[in-house]
PDB file of N, CA and C in Angstrom:
ATOM      1  N   MET A   1     -20.994   3.812  23.427  1.00  0.00           N
ATOM      2  CA  MET A   1     -20.987   5.078  21.959  1.00  0.00           C
ATOM      3  C   MET A   1     -19.247   5.659  22.003  1.00  0.00           C
ATOM      4  N   LYS A   2     -18.841   6.022  22.729  1.00  0.00           N
ATOM      5  CA  LYS A   2     -17.530   6.805  23.205  1.00  0.00           C
ATOM      6  C   LYS A   2     -16.354   5.851  21.644  1.00  0.00           C
ATOM      7  N   LYS A   3     -16.608   4.283  22.056  1.00  0.00           N
ATOM      8  CA  LYS A   3     -15.481   3.887  21.205  1.00  0.00           C
ATOM      9  C   LYS A   3     -15.894   4.004  19.092  1.00  0.00           C
ATOM     10  N   LEU A   4     -17.377   3.880  19.662  1.00  0.00           N
ATOM     11  CA  LEU A   4     -17.885   3.774  18.066  1.00  0.00           C
ATOM     12  C   LEU A   4     -17.939   5.288  17.878  1.00  0.00           C
ATOM     13  N   ILE A   5     -17.705   6.102  18.067  1.00  0.00           N
ATOM     14  CA  ILE A   5     -17.060   7.669  17.527  1.00  0.00           C
ATOM     15  C   ILE A   5     -15.611   7.205  17.010  1.00  0.00           C
ATOM     16  N   VAL A   6     -14.197   7.284  18.387  1.00  0.00           N
ATOM     17  CA  VAL A   6     -13.282   6.868  18.115  1.00  0.00           C
ATOM     18  C   VAL A   6     -12.700   5.881  16.757  1.00  0.00           C
ATOM     19  N   LEU A   7     -13.846   5.262  16.986  1.00  0.00           N
ATOM     20  CA  LEU A   7     -13.306   3.799  15.382  1.00  0.00           C
ATOM     21  C   LEU A   7     -13.976   4.869  14.529  1.00  0.00           C
ATOM     22  N   SER A   8     -15.492   5.725  13.824  1.00  0.00           N
ATOM     23  CA  SER A   8     -15.285   6.474  12.415  1.00  0.00           C
ATOM     24  C   SER A   8     -14.395   6.970  12.828  1.00  0.00           C
ATOM     25  N   LEU A   9     -13.956   7.767  13.770  1.00  0.00           N
ATOM     26  CA  LEU A   9     -13.029   8.707  13.120  1.00  0.00           C
ATOM     27  C   LEU A   9     -11.509   8.375  12.443  1.00  0.00           C
ATOM     28  N   THR A  10     -11.641   6.846  13.082  1.00  0.00           N
ATOM     29  CA  THR A  10     -10.066   6.851  12.550  1.00  0.00           C
ATOM     30  C   THR A  10     -10.251   6.103  11.010  1.00  0.00           C
ATOM     31  N   VAL A  11     -11.574   5.667  10.523  1.00  0.00           N
ATOM     32  CA  VAL A  11     -11.378   4.460   9.442  1.00  0.00           C
ATOM     33  C   VAL A  11     -11.837   6.403   8.513  1.00  0.00           C
ATOM     34  N   LEU A  12     -12.362   7.899   9.108  1.00  0.00           N
ATOM     35  CA  LEU A  12     -12.948   8.685   7.918  1.00  0.00           C
ATOM     36  C   LEU A  12     -11.153   9.222   8.467  1.00  0.00           C
ATOM     37  N   VAL A  13     -10.053   9.223   9.295  1.00  0.00           N
ATOM     38  CA  VAL A  13      -9.042   9.746   9.212  1.00  0.00           C
ATOM     39  C   VAL A  13      -8.159   8.824   7.458  1.00  0.00           C
ATOM     40  N   LEU A  14      -7.964   8.108   7.270  1.00  0.00           N
ATOM     41  CA  LEU A  14      -7.142   7.336   7.653  1.00  0.00           C
ATOM     42  C   LEU A  14      -7.730   7.632   5.824  1.00  0.00           C
ATOM     43  N   GLY A  15      -9.067   6.977   5.530  1.00  0.00           N
ATOM     44  CA  GLY A  15      -9.632   6.751   4.097  1.00  0.00           C
ATOM     45  C   GLY A  15      -9.733   8.322   3.422  1.00  0.00           C
ATOM     46  N   LEU A  16      -9.361   9.113   3.974  1.00  0.00           N
ATOM     47  CA  LEU A  16      -9.276  10.392   3.880  1.00  0.00           C
ATOM     48  C   LEU A  16      -8.147  11.668   3.508  1.00  0.00           C
ATOM     49  N   SER A  17      -7.120  11.022   4.136  1.00  0.00           N
ATOM     50  CA  SER A  17      -5.828  11.530   4.718  1.00  0.00           C
ATOM     51  C   SER A  17      -5.569  11.345   3.211  1.00  0.00           C
ATOM     52  N   VAL A  18      -5.438  10.615   2.561  1.00  0.00           N
ATOM     53  CA  VAL A  18      -4.564  10.940   1.212  1.00  0.00           C
ATOM     54  C   VAL A  18      -4.618  12.190   0.140  1.00  0.00           C
ATOM     55  N   ASN A  19      -6.229  12.380   0.221  1.00  0.00           N
ATOM     56  CA  ASN A  19      -6.682  13.798  -0.808  1.00  0.00           C
ATOM     57  C   ASN A  19      -5.960  15.260   0.372  1.00  0.00           C
ATOM     58  N   CYS A  20      -5.428  15.583   1.646  1.00  0.00           N
ATOM     59  CA  CYS A  20      -5.275  16.021   2.220  1.00  0.00           C
ATOM     60  C   CYS A  20      -4.205  16.556   2.051  1.00  0.00           C
ATOM     61  N   LEU A  21      -3.027  15.917   1.520  1.00  0.00           N
ATOM     62  CA  LEU A  21      -1.331  16.140   1.564  1.00  0.00           C
ATOM     63  C   LEU A  21      -0.806  18.086   1.535  1.00  0.00           C
ATOM     64  N   ALA A  22      -1.652  18.436   0.439  1.00  0.00           N
ATOM     65  CA  ALA A  22      -1.021  20.367  -0.042  1.00  0.00           C
ATOM     66  C   ALA A  22      -0.901  20.820   1.394  1.00  0.00           C
ATOM     67  N   ALA A  23      -2.179  20.721   2.210  1.00  0.00           N
ATOM     68  CA  ALA A  23      -2.787  21.474   3.170  1.00  0.00           C
ATOM     69  C   ALA A  23      -3.003  20.917   4.220  1.00  0.00           C
ATOM     70  N   GLU A  24      -2.739  21.674   5.417  1.00  0.00           N
ATOM     71  CA  GLU A  24      -2.700  20.823   6.617  1.00  0.00           C
ATOM     72  C   GLU A  24      -4.084  20.615   7.512  1.00  0.00           C
ATOM     73  N   THR A  25      -3.517  19.350   7.943  1.00  0.00           N
ATOM     74  CA  THR A  25      -4.747  18.238   8.589  1.00  0.00           C
ATOM     75  C   THR A  25      -4.566  18.359  10.160  1.00  0.00           C
ATOM     76  N   LYS A  26      -5.787  19.187  10.783  1.00  0.00           N
ATOM     77  CA  LYS A  26      -4.865  18.499  12.078  1.00  0.00           C
ATOM     78  C   LYS A  26      -5.889  18.213  12.719  1.00  0.00           C
ATOM     79  N   TYR A  27      -5.951  17.408  13.793  1.00  0.00           N
ATOM     80  CA  TYR A  27      -6.591  16.236  14.316  1.00  0.00           C
ATOM     81  C   TYR A  27      -6.560  16.067  16.107  1.00  0.00           C
ATOM     82  N   PHE A  28      -7.240  15.914  16.487  1.00  0.00           N
ATOM     83  CA  PHE A  28      -7.755  16.648  18.419  1.00  0.00           C
ATOM     84  C   PHE A  28      -8.526  15.039  18.593  1.00  0.00           C
ATOM     85  N   SER A  29      -8.542  14.666  19.653  1.00  0.00           N
ATOM     86  CA  SER A  29      -9.410  13.550  20.743  1.00  0.00           C
ATOM     87  C   SER A  29      -9.382  13.904  22.531  1.00  0.00           C
ATOM     88  N   GLY A  30     -10.375  14.251  22.742  1.00  0.00           N
ATOM     89  CA  GLY A  30      -9.848  14.375  24.414  1.00  0.00           C
ATOM     90  C   GLY A  30     -11.256  14.870  25.186  1.00  0.00           C
ATOM     91  N   GLU A  31     -10.960  15.667  25.764  1.00  0.00           N
ATOM     92  CA  GLU A  31     -12.574  15.858  26.860  1.00  0.00           C
ATOM     93  C   GLU A  31     -13.382  16.962  26.199  1.00  0.00           C
ATOM     94  N   SER A  32     -12.234  18.366  25.825  1.00  0.00           N
ATOM     95  CA  SER A  32     -13.079  19.607  25.325  1.00  0.00           C
ATOM     96  C   SER A  32     -12.237  20.238  24.129  1.00  0.00           C
ATOM     97  N   TYR A  33     -12.599  20.140  23.013  1.00  0.00           N
ATOM     98  CA  TYR A  33     -11.913  21.126  22.005  1.00  0.00           C
ATOM     99  C   TYR A  33     -12.669  22.860  21.658  1.00  0.00           C
ATOM    100  N   LEU A  34     -11.393  23.559  21.789  1.00  0.00           N
ATOM    101  CA  LEU A  34     -11.971  24.578  20.968  1.00  0.00           C
ATOM    102  C   LEU A  34     -10.974  25.534  20.559  1.00  0.00           C
ATOM    103  N   LEU A  35     -11.804  25.626  19.384  1.00  0.00           N
ATOM    104  CA  LEU A  35     -10.675  26.584  17.828  1.00  0.00           C
ATOM    105  C   LEU A  35     -11.284  27.931  18.014  1.00  0.00           C
ATOM    106  N   LYS A  36     -10.665  29.126  19.272  1.00  0.00           N
ATOM    107  CA  LYS A  36     -10.970  30.791  19.146  1.00  0.00           C
ATOM    108  C   LYS A  36     -11.222  31.514  18.661  1.00  0.00           C
ATOM    109  N   GLN A  37     -11.704  32.242  18.219  1.00  0.00           N
ATOM    110  CA  GLN A  37     -11.633  33.368  17.549  1.00  0.00           C
ATOM    111  C   GLN A  37     -10.552  34.290  17.104  1.00  0.00           C
ATOM    112  N   GLY A  38     -10.211  34.717  15.766  1.00  0.00           N
ATOM    113  CA  GLY A  38      -9.145  34.537  15.667  1.00  0.00           C
ATOM    114  C   GLY A  38      -7.839  33.670  15.171  1.00  0.00           C
ATOM    115  N   GLU A  39      -8.124  32.617  14.763  1.00  0.00           N
ATOM    116  CA  GLU A  39      -7.663  31.212  14.793  1.00  0.00           C
ATOM    117  C   GLU A  39      -8.179  30.488  13.480  1.00  0.00           C
ATOM    118  N   THR A  40      -6.961  29.796  13.014  1.00  0.00           N
ATOM    119  CA  THR A  40      -7.396  29.592  11.461  1.00  0.00           C
ATOM    120  C   THR A  40      -7.002  27.993  11.266  1.00  0.00           C
ATOM    121  N   VAL A  41      -7.501  27.236  11.510  1.00  0.00           N
ATOM    122  CA  VAL A  41      -7.087  25.512  10.642  1.00  0.00           C
ATOM    123  C   VAL A  41      -7.087  26.106   8.645  1.00  0.00           C
ATOM    124  N   ASP A  42      -5.762  26.173   8.749  1.00  0.00           N
ATOM    125  CA  ASP A  42      -6.013  26.264   7.073  1.00  0.00           C
ATOM    126  C   ASP A  42      -5.879  24.584   6.381  1.00  0.00           C
ATOM    127  N   GLY A  43      -7.350  24.180   6.324  1.00  0.00           N
ATOM    128  CA  GLY A  43      -7.295  22.787   6.016  1.00  0.00           C
ATOM    129  C   GLY A  43      -8.221  21.681   6.365  1.00  0.00           C
ATOM    130  N   ASP A  44      -7.697  20.740   7.122  1.00  0.00           N
ATOM    131  CA  ASP A  44      -8.972  20.048   7.084  1.00  0.00           C
ATOM    132  C   ASP A  44      -8.533  20.012   8.815  1.00  0.00           C
ATOM    133  N   LEU A  45      -9.685  19.721   9.730  1.00  0.00           N
ATOM    134  CA  LEU A  45      -9.849  19.201  10.589  1.00  0.00           C
ATOM    135  C   LEU A  45     -10.781  18.139  11.383  1.00  0.00           C
ATOM    136  N   PHE A  46     -10.844  16.958  11.424  1.00  0.00           N
ATOM    137  CA  PHE A  46     -10.592  16.232  12.237  1.00  0.00           C
ATOM    138  C   PHE A  46     -10.740  16.681  13.942  1.00  0.00           C
ATOM    139  N   VAL A  47     -12.538  15.846  14.587  1.00  0.00           N
ATOM    140  CA  VAL A  47     -12.008  16.491  16.019  1.00  0.00           C
ATOM    141  C   VAL A  47     -13.202  15.296  16.453  1.00  0.00           C
ATOM    142  N   SER A  48     -12.319  14.272  17.709  1.00  0.00           N
ATOM    143  CA  SER A  48     -13.555  13.919  18.890  1.00  0.00           C
ATOM    144  C   SER A  48     -13.214  13.937  19.896  1.00  0.00           C
ATOM    145  N   ALA A  49     -14.475  14.542  20.976  1.00  0.00           N
ATOM    146  CA  ALA A  49     -14.269  15.311  21.598  1.00  0.00           C
ATOM    147  C   ALA A  49     -16.118  15.830  22.685  1.00  0.00           C
ATOM    148  N   SER A  50     -15.806  15.677  23.773  1.00  0.00           N
ATOM    149  CA  SER A  50     -17.057  15.566  24.088  1.00  0.00           C
ATOM    150  C   SER A  50     -17.887  16.875  24.118  1.00  0.00           C
ATOM    151  N   SER A  51     -16.951  17.843  24.300  1.00  0.00           N
ATOM    152  CA  SER A  51     -17.452  19.351  23.873  1.00  0.00           C
ATOM    153  C   SER A  51     -16.657  19.799  23.013  1.00  0.00           C
ATOM    154  N   ILE A  52     -17.204  20.162  21.772  1.00  0.00           N
ATOM    155  CA  ILE A  52     -16.696  21.099  20.349  1.00  0.00           C
ATOM    156  C   ILE A  52     -16.644  22.789  20.544  1.00  0.00           C
ATOM    157  N   ARG A  53     -16.578  23.468  20.494  1.00  0.00           N
ATOM    158  CA  ARG A  53     -16.590  24.861  19.639  1.00  0.00           C
ATOM    159  C   ARG A  53     -15.986  25.164  18.743  1.00  0.00           C
ATOM    160  N   ILE A  54     -16.245  25.136  17.220  1.00  0.00           N
ATOM    161  CA  ILE A  54     -15.052  26.426  16.604  1.00  0.00           C
ATOM    162  C   ILE A  54     -15.595  27.187  16.636  1.00  0.00           C
ATOM    163  N   GLU A  55     -14.972  28.738  16.954  1.00  0.00           N
ATOM    164  CA  GLU A  55     -15.200  29.896  16.885  1.00  0.00           C
ATOM    165  C   GLU A  55     -14.761  30.826  15.773  1.00  0.00           C
ATOM    166  N   GLY A  56     -13.561  30.014  15.454  1.00  0.00           N
ATOM    167  CA  GLY A  56     -12.809  30.151  14.448  1.00  0.00           C
ATOM    168  C   GLY A  56     -12.840  29.844  13.195  1.00  0.00           C
ATOM    169  N   THR A  57     -11.921  29.728  11.686  1.00  0.00           N
ATOM    170  CA  THR A  57     -12.426  29.421  11.047  1.00  0.00           C
ATOM    171  C   THR A  57     -11.614  28.303  10.165  1.00  0.00           C
ATOM    172  N   VAL A  58     -12.524  27.491   9.911  1.00  0.00           N
ATOM    173  CA  VAL A  58     -11.374  25.788   9.151  1.00  0.00           C
ATOM    174  C   VAL A  58     -11.390  26.260   7.546  1.00  0.00           C
ATOM    175  N   THR A  59     -10.839  26.191   6.781  1.00  0.00           N
ATOM    176  CA  THR A  59     -10.190  26.798   5.394  1.00  0.00           C
ATOM    177  C   THR A  59     -10.933  25.713   4.769  1.00  0.00           C
ATOM    178  N   GLY A  60     -10.487  24.136   5.408  1.00  0.00           N
ATOM    179  CA  GLY A  60     -10.781  22.977   4.409  1.00  0.00           C
ATOM    180  C   GLY A  60     -12.205  22.324   4.997  1.00  0.00           C
ATOM    181  N   GLU A  61     -12.161  20.631   5.618  1.00  0.00           N
ATOM    182  CA  GLU A  61     -13.513  19.864   5.992  1.00  0.00           C
ATOM    183  C   GLU A  61     -13.811  19.911   7.106  1.00  0.00           C
ATOM    184  N   ALA A  62     -14.708  19.649   7.979  1.00  0.00           N
ATOM    185  CA  ALA A  62     -15.164  19.558   9.469  1.00  0.00           C
ATOM    186  C   ALA A  62     -15.149  18.615   9.549  1.00  0.00           C
ATOM    187  N   PHE A  63     -14.930  17.419   9.893  1.00  0.00           N
ATOM    188  CA  PHE A  63     -15.595  16.298  10.718  1.00  0.00           C
ATOM    189  C   PHE A  63     -15.469  16.019  12.036  1.00  0.00           C
ATOM    190  N   LEU A  64     -16.889  16.674  12.391  1.00  0.00           N
ATOM    191  CA  LEU A  64     -16.932  16.939  14.342  1.00  0.00           C
ATOM    192  C   LEU A  64     -17.640  15.714  15.113  1.00  0.00           C
ATOM    193  N   PHE A  65     -17.414  15.210  15.265  1.00  0.00           N
ATOM    194  CA  PHE A  65     -17.996  14.021  16.490  1.00  0.00           C
ATOM    195  C   PHE A  65     -17.595  13.934  17.976  1.00  0.00           C
ATOM    196  N   GLY A  66     -18.723  14.360  18.233  1.00  0.00           N
ATOM    197  CA  GLY A  66     -19.831  14.499  20.251  1.00  0.00           C
ATOM    198  C   GLY A  66     -20.451  14.771  20.660  1.00  0.00           C
ATOM    199  N   SER A  67     -20.265  14.772  22.208  1.00  0.00           N
ATOM    200  CA  SER A  67     -22.047  14.993  22.510  1.00  0.00           C
ATOM    201  C   SER A  67     -22.608  16.787  22.430  1.00  0.00           C
ATOM    202  N   SER A  68     -21.620  17.444  22.215  1.00  0.00           N
ATOM    203  CA  SER A  68     -21.590  18.675  22.315  1.00  0.00           C
ATOM    204  C   SER A  68     -21.023  19.474  21.325  1.00  0.00           C
ATOM    205  N   VAL A  69     -21.420  19.653  20.088  1.00  0.00           N
ATOM    206  CA  VAL A  69     -20.940  20.615  18.945  1.00  0.00           C
ATOM    207  C   VAL A  69     -21.453  22.125  18.740  1.00  0.00           C
ATOM    208  N   THR A  70     -21.304  22.971  18.520  1.00  0.00           N
ATOM    209  CA  THR A  70     -21.598  24.256  18.186  1.00  0.00           C
ATOM    210  C   THR A  70     -20.025  25.360  17.761  1.00  0.00           C
ATOM    211  N   VAL A  71     -21.313  25.547  16.831  1.00  0.00           N
ATOM    212  CA  VAL A  71     -20.413  25.491  15.304  1.00  0.00           C
ATOM    213  C   VAL A  71     -20.866  28.150  15.045  1.00  0.00           C
ATOM    214  N   PRO A  72     -20.059  28.248  16.292  1.00  0.00           N
ATOM    215  CA  PRO A  72     -20.196  29.791  15.253  1.00  0.00           C
ATOM    216  C   PRO A  72     -19.338  30.390  14.521  1.00  0.00           C
ATOM    217  N   GLY A  73     -18.379  29.883  14.175  1.00  0.00           N
ATOM    218  CA  GLY A  73     -17.188  30.580  12.951  1.00  0.00           C
ATOM    219  C   GLY A  73     -17.538  29.786  11.756  1.00  0.00           C
ATOM    220  N   GLU A  74     -16.327  29.741  11.005  1.00  0.00           N
ATOM    221  CA  GLU A  74     -16.898  29.893   9.737  1.00  0.00           C
ATOM    222  C   GLU A  74     -15.877  28.562   9.154  1.00  0.00           C
ATOM    223  N   ILE A  75     -16.945  27.380   8.103  1.00  0.00           N
ATOM    224  CA  ILE A  75     -16.001  26.801   7.850  1.00  0.00           C
ATOM    225  C   ILE A  75     -15.963  26.571   6.523  1.00  0.00           C
ATOM    226  N   ALA A  76     -15.050  26.427   5.405  1.00  0.00           N
ATOM    227  CA  ALA A  76     -15.155  26.618   4.016  1.00  0.00           C
ATOM    228  C   ALA A  76     -15.433  25.304   3.233  1.00  0.00           C
ATOM    229  N   GLY A  77     -15.479  24.724   3.384  1.00  0.00           N
ATOM    230  CA  GLY A  77     -14.928  22.939   2.979  1.00  0.00           C
ATOM    231  C   GLY A  77     -16.899  23.023   3.633  1.00  0.00           C
ATOM    232  N   ASP A  78     -16.843  21.086   3.566  1.00  0.00           N
ATOM    233  CA  ASP A  78     -18.493  20.498   4.154  1.00  0.00           C
ATOM    234  C   ASP A  78     -17.902  20.174   5.588  1.00  0.00           C
ATOM    235  N   ALA A  79     -19.168  20.104   6.362  1.00  0.00           N
ATOM    236  CA  ALA A  79     -19.014  20.051   7.704  1.00  0.00           C
ATOM    237  C   ALA A  79     -19.882  18.392   7.828  1.00  0.00           C
ATOM    238  N   PHE A  80     -18.856  17.476   8.148  1.00  0.00           N
ATOM    239  CA  PHE A  80     -19.713  16.366   8.683  1.00  0.00           C
ATOM    240  C   PHE A  80     -19.463  16.720  10.150  1.00  0.00           C
ATOM    241  N   VAL A  81     -20.939  16.073  10.964  1.00  0.00           N
ATOM    242  CA  VAL A  81     -21.518  16.201  12.595  1.00  0.00           C
ATOM    243  C   VAL A  81     -22.238  15.812  12.914  1.00  0.00           C
ATOM    244  N   ILE A  82     -21.683  14.912  13.915  1.00  0.00           N
ATOM    245  CA  ILE A  82     -22.376  14.072  14.716  1.00  0.00           C
ATOM    246  C   ILE A  82     -22.357  14.441  16.243  1.00  0.00           C
ATOM    247  N   GLY A  83     -23.842  14.339  16.677  1.00  0.00           N
ATOM    248  CA  GLY A  83     -23.661  14.478  17.638  1.00  0.00           C
ATOM    249  C   GLY A  83     -25.383  15.012  18.171  1.00  0.00           C
ATOM    250  N   ASP A  84     -25.319  14.925  20.118  1.00  0.00           N
ATOM    251  CA  ASP A  84     -26.547  14.430  20.700  1.00  0.00           C
ATOM    252  C   ASP A  84     -26.487  16.700  20.722  1.00  0.00           C
ATOM    253  N   SER A  85     -26.331  17.270  20.922  1.00  0.00           N
ATOM    254  CA  SER A  85     -26.592  18.722  20.513  1.00  0.00           C
ATOM    255  C   SER A  85     -25.800  19.802  19.873  1.00  0.00           C
ATOM    256  N   VAL A  86     -25.786  19.958  18.650  1.00  0.00           N
ATOM    257  CA  VAL A  86     -25.502  20.634  17.302  1.00  0.00           C
ATOM    258  C   VAL A  86     -26.332  21.875  17.507  1.00  0.00           C
ATOM    259  N   ASP A  87     -25.051  22.383  16.779  1.00  0.00           N
ATOM    260  CA  ASP A  87     -25.586  24.302  16.881  1.00  0.00           C
ATOM    261  C   ASP A  87     -24.764  24.958  15.896  1.00  0.00           C
ATOM    262  N   LEU A  88     -25.035  24.778  14.870  1.00  0.00           N
ATOM    263  CA  LEU A  88     -24.821  25.047  13.322  1.00  0.00           C
ATOM    264  C   LEU A  88     -25.186  26.512  12.710  1.00  0.00           C
ATOM    265  N   SER A  89     -24.690  27.486  13.532  1.00  0.00           N
ATOM    266  CA  SER A  89     -25.752  29.013  13.541  1.00  0.00           C
ATOM    267  C   SER A  89     -23.830  29.592  12.742  1.00  0.00           C
ATOM    268  N   GLY A  90     -23.159  28.899  12.705  1.00  0.00           N
ATOM    269  CA  GLY A  90     -21.873  29.790  11.645  1.00  0.00           C
ATOM    270  C   GLY A  90     -22.460  29.959  10.409  1.00  0.00           C
ATOM    271  N   ARG A  91     -21.153  30.240   9.682  1.00  0.00           N
ATOM    272  CA  ARG A  91     -20.999  30.410   8.065  1.00  0.00           C
ATOM    273  C   ARG A  91     -20.540  29.117   7.666  1.00  0.00           C
ATOM    274  N   PHE A  92     -21.162  28.678   5.942  1.00  0.00           N
ATOM    275  CA  PHE A  92     -20.472  27.802   5.850  1.00  0.00           C
ATOM    276  C   PHE A  92     -20.731  28.303   4.168  1.00  0.00           C
ATOM    277  N   LEU A  93     -19.354  27.904   3.091  1.00  0.00           N
ATOM    278  CA  LEU A  93     -18.708  28.802   2.770  1.00  0.00           C
ATOM    279  C   LEU A  93     -18.853  27.855   1.345  1.00  0.00           C
ATOM    280  N   THR A  94     -19.492  26.277   2.094  1.00  0.00           N
ATOM    281  CA  THR A  94     -19.589  25.238   0.555  1.00  0.00           C
ATOM    282  C   THR A  94     -20.856  25.432  -0.293  1.00  0.00           C
TER     283      THR A  94
END
């Protein structure tokens, strides 16, 4: 399962990185990812982790792959989320 998530994320990153040249694109892979309240990713965010929590703001698209994904923050673009436990209680501006 973990290899499938990493492979899927890699394919998305390579396929979509051409469209992300003007803004910041942030990539993360690991056990746990937290975008704290008050922090902003000015562009797209790609995360593959067991636990993902987005409390801050993503101005672009968010690609989130993990076991537990929680988004009480704000995502201005599209959100692509795969997880066993998903909570999308935040603001989505698309």
